[in-house]
């Protein structure tokens, strides 16, 4: 069964998140601080993390970075920090999505489902196109057998294009999938990449 780790120091919010996660048919555990979250994540087998940023002890950004260093499990940051710099810092730390409190539980459920759809799609074995090979499990790309170093966005863009081989994609579709629906920069970043 799919397991979700909820990292939230406010008990009432954690219980609301857990209730909706359980209602959607997932298992859920709650960690109330950063150190506990890292311990539980390393001991458990979690498929997704709902992560508050403002935690006692180890802050959420650091928890995200440490989880991301060992796992590609999707991470959704849920926080009251709503500034543009906060959102960018959260995503740069490795989060896959960012939800600002207060939020509706139905939006949370929809975002969880969307991330699972994307991560399931990425869980395919290595795919090849001529001399290009993409290893989804390891997030690695090879050209003529040699590994090519790509940053996170470059990899996500290449993988999305490969997954949609022979399908015409609009700039908006690419921007939404790779950079997220709430991307605040120029849409020309797709052209640049």
Protein backbone atom coordinates (compact mmCIF):
# COMPACT_ATOMS: atom_id res chain seq x y z
CA UNK A 1 0.00 0.00 0.00
CA UNK A 2 1.15 3.56 -0.73
CA UNK A 3 2.60 5.30 2.33
CA UNK A 4 2.77 9.05 2.93
CA UNK A 5 4.87 10.77 5.58
CA UNK A 6 3.23 13.93 6.97
CA UNK A 7 5.75 16.30 8.54
CA UNK A 8 3.82 18.95 10.50
CA UNK A 9 4.37 20.37 13.98
CA UNK A 10 0.80 21.71 14.38
CA UNK A 11 -1.17 18.67 15.51
CA UNK A 12 -4.57 19.89 14.25
CA UNK A 13 -3.23 20.49 10.72
CA UNK A 14 -1.39 17.16 10.73
CA UNK A 15 -4.59 15.34 11.70
CA UNK A 16 -6.58 17.07 8.93
CA UNK A 17 -3.93 16.11 6.37
CA UNK A 18 -3.88 12.54 7.66
CA UNK A 19 -7.68 12.25 7.54
CA UNK A 20 -7.74 13.23 3.88
CA UNK A 21 -4.79 11.00 3.00
CA UNK A 22 -6.51 8.04 4.66
CA UNK A 23 -9.80 8.88 2.91
CA UNK A 24 -7.98 8.67 -0.42
CA UNK A 25 -6.87 5.13 0.44
CA UNK A 26 -3.26 5.74 1.48
CA UNK A 27 -1.42 4.90 4.69
CA UNK A 28 0.00 7.85 6.63
CA UNK A 29 2.38 8.53 9.49
CA UNK A 30 3.03 11.87 11.20
CA UNK A 31 6.37 13.36 12.23
CA UNK A 32 6.24 16.54 14.33
CA UNK A 33 9.78 17.84 13.80
CA UNK A 34 12.62 17.67 11.29
CA UNK A 35 14.78 15.14 13.11
CA UNK A 36 11.86 12.76 13.61
CA UNK A 37 10.93 13.16 9.93
CA UNK A 38 14.40 12.19 8.74
CA UNK A 39 14.54 9.21 11.11
CA UNK A 40 11.11 7.98 10.03
CA UNK A 41 11.84 8.49 6.34
CA UNK A 42 15.11 6.56 6.57
CA UNK A 43 13.47 3.72 8.52
CA UNK A 44 10.22 3.58 6.56
CA UNK A 45 9.38 3.05 2.95
CA UNK A 46 7.48 6.23 2.07
CA UNK A 47 6.16 6.99 -1.39
CA UNK A 48 5.48 10.71 -0.81
CA UNK A 49 6.21 13.39 1.80
CA UNK A 50 3.96 16.28 2.87
CA UNK A 51 6.43 18.68 4.44
CA UNK A 52 5.93 21.83 6.50
CA UNK A 53 8.78 24.35 6.27
CA UNK A 54 8.62 25.90 9.72
CA UNK A 55 9.55 23.00 11.95
CA UNK A 56 11.23 22.85 15.34
CA UNK A 57 14.86 21.77 15.16
CA UNK A 58 15.81 20.91 11.59
CA UNK A 59 13.94 23.23 9.23
CA UNK A 60 11.84 21.94 6.34
CA UNK A 61 14.21 23.08 3.59
CA UNK A 62 17.01 21.03 5.15
CA UNK A 63 14.73 18.01 5.62
CA UNK A 64 13.78 18.29 1.95
CA UNK A 65 17.41 18.44 0.83
CA UNK A 66 18.36 15.42 2.94
CA UNK A 67 15.44 13.35 1.68
CA UNK A 68 16.14 14.38 -1.89
CA UNK A 69 19.78 13.29 -1.50
CA UNK A 70 18.68 9.68 -0.92
CA UNK A 71 15.28 9.42 -2.62
CA UNK A 72 13.24 10.63 -5.57
CA UNK A 73 9.96 10.26 -3.63
CA UNK A 74 7.71 13.23 -4.42
CA UNK A 75 7.74 16.02 -1.82
CA UNK A 76 4.96 18.58 -1.39
CA UNK A 77 5.83 21.53 0.83
CA UNK A 78 2.86 22.86 2.78
CA UNK A 79 3.55 26.14 4.55
CA UNK A 80 2.31 29.59 5.50
CA UNK A 81 5.38 31.10 3.83
CA UNK A 82 3.83 32.67 0.75
CA UNK A 83 6.55 34.98 -0.57
CA UNK A 84 7.98 34.43 -4.01
CA UNK A 85 11.45 33.88 -2.50
CA UNK A 86 10.00 31.26 -0.13
CA UNK A 87 8.37 29.34 -2.98
CA UNK A 88 11.55 29.45 -5.05
CA UNK A 89 13.69 28.35 -2.08
CA UNK A 90 11.34 25.44 -1.39
CA UNK A 91 11.38 24.24 -4.98
CA UNK A 92 15.14 24.73 -5.22
CA UNK A 93 15.56 22.59 -2.09
CA UNK A 94 14.00 19.73 -4.05
CA UNK A 95 10.24 19.97 -3.51
CA UNK A 96 8.01 18.86 -6.36
CA UNK A 97 5.12 21.13 -5.37
CA UNK A 98 4.38 23.96 -2.93
CA UNK A 99 1.03 24.57 -1.23
CA UNK A 100 0.41 27.74 0.77
CA UNK A 101 -1.64 27.56 3.98
CA UNK A 102 -4.55 27.82 4.36
CA UNK A 103 -5.39 25.21 1.74
CA UNK A 104 -8.40 23.07 0.99
CA UNK A 105 -8.01 19.35 1.57
CA UNK A 106 -9.45 18.65 -1.89
CA UNK A 107 -6.61 20.65 -3.48
CA UNK A 108 -4.13 18.67 -1.39
CA UNK A 109 -5.69 15.38 -2.56
CA UNK A 110 -5.58 16.53 -6.20
CA UNK A 111 -1.93 17.55 -5.94
CA UNK A 112 -0.99 14.23 -4.33
CA UNK A 113 -2.74 12.35 -7.14
CA UNK A 114 -1.03 14.48 -9.79
CA UNK A 115 2.40 13.78 -8.33
CA UNK A 116 1.71 10.06 -8.16
CA UNK A 117 0.64 10.08 -11.80
CA UNK A 118 3.88 11.83 -12.77
CA UNK A 119 6.12 9.65 -10.62
CA UNK A 120 4.47 6.47 -11.92
CA UNK A 121 5.15 7.66 -15.45
CA UNK A 122 8.79 8.31 -14.54
CA UNK A 123 9.20 4.86 -12.99
CA UNK A 124 9.55 3.25 -16.42
CA UNK A 125 12.75 1.37 -17.10
CA UNK A 126 15.45 2.82 -19.33
CA UNK A 127 14.16 4.10 -22.66
CA UNK A 128 16.32 4.58 -25.74
CA UNK A 129 16.14 6.81 -28.80
CA UNK A 130 19.03 6.11 -31.15
CA UNK A 131 22.20 6.93 -29.21
CA UNK A 132 20.22 8.56 -26.38
CA UNK A 133 19.26 6.48 -23.33
CA UNK A 134 17.25 7.71 -20.34
CA UNK A 135 17.38 5.79 -17.06
CA UNK A 136 14.27 6.98 -15.18
CA UNK A 137 15.07 5.09 -11.98
CA UNK A 138 18.50 6.69 -11.66
CA UNK A 139 17.53 10.00 -13.34
CA UNK A 140 20.52 9.57 -15.64
CA UNK A 141 20.99 10.27 -19.34
CA UNK A 142 23.51 8.60 -21.66
CA UNK A 143 24.55 9.56 -25.18
CA UNK A 144 26.39 6.83 -27.07
CA UNK A 145 26.99 5.05 -23.77
CA UNK A 146 28.53 8.04 -21.98
CA UNK A 147 26.71 9.66 -19.05
CA UNK A 148 25.66 13.27 -19.64
CA UNK A 149 25.38 15.61 -16.65
CA UNK A 150 22.05 17.45 -16.68
CA UNK A 151 20.58 19.71 -14.04
CA UNK A 152 17.14 18.89 -12.62
CA UNK A 153 15.12 21.00 -15.10
CA UNK A 154 17.12 19.79 -18.11
CA UNK A 155 16.48 16.19 -17.10
CA UNK A 156 12.77 16.79 -16.42
CA UNK A 157 12.37 18.52 -19.79
CA UNK A 158 14.17 15.78 -21.71
CA UNK A 159 12.22 13.04 -19.92
CA UNK A 160 8.90 14.77 -20.58
CA UNK A 161 9.70 15.15 -24.26
CA UNK A 162 10.83 11.52 -24.48
CA UNK A 163 7.68 10.30 -22.70
CA UNK A 164 5.65 12.22 -25.27
CA UNK A 165 7.62 11.11 -28.31
CA UNK A 166 5.75 11.91 -31.57
CA UNK A 167 3.25 14.11 -29.70
CA UNK A 168 3.07 17.81 -30.41
CA UNK A 169 3.33 19.72 -27.12
CA UNK A 170 2.62 23.41 -26.62
CA UNK A 171 4.96 25.68 -24.70
CA UNK A 172 2.26 25.98 -22.02
CA UNK A 173 2.02 22.19 -21.64
CA UNK A 174 5.77 21.88 -21.25
CA UNK A 175 5.96 24.84 -18.88
CA UNK A 176 3.19 23.49 -16.66
CA UNK A 177 4.60 19.96 -16.48
CA UNK A 178 8.29 20.77 -16.04
CA UNK A 179 8.19 24.08 -14.16
CA UNK A 180 4.77 23.75 -12.51
CA UNK A 181 1.48 25.51 -13.03
CA UNK A 182 2.43 28.33 -10.66
CA UNK A 183 5.78 29.17 -12.29
CA UNK A 184 6.29 32.93 -12.05
CA UNK A 185 9.08 33.45 -14.60
CA UNK A 186 9.02 34.02 -18.33
CA UNK A 187 7.44 31.33 -20.52
CA UNK A 188 10.44 31.81 -22.84
CA UNK A 189 12.46 29.66 -20.44
CA UNK A 190 11.07 26.68 -22.40
CA UNK A 191 12.60 28.09 -25.60
CA UNK A 192 15.90 28.80 -23.84
CA UNK A 193 16.15 25.28 -22.42
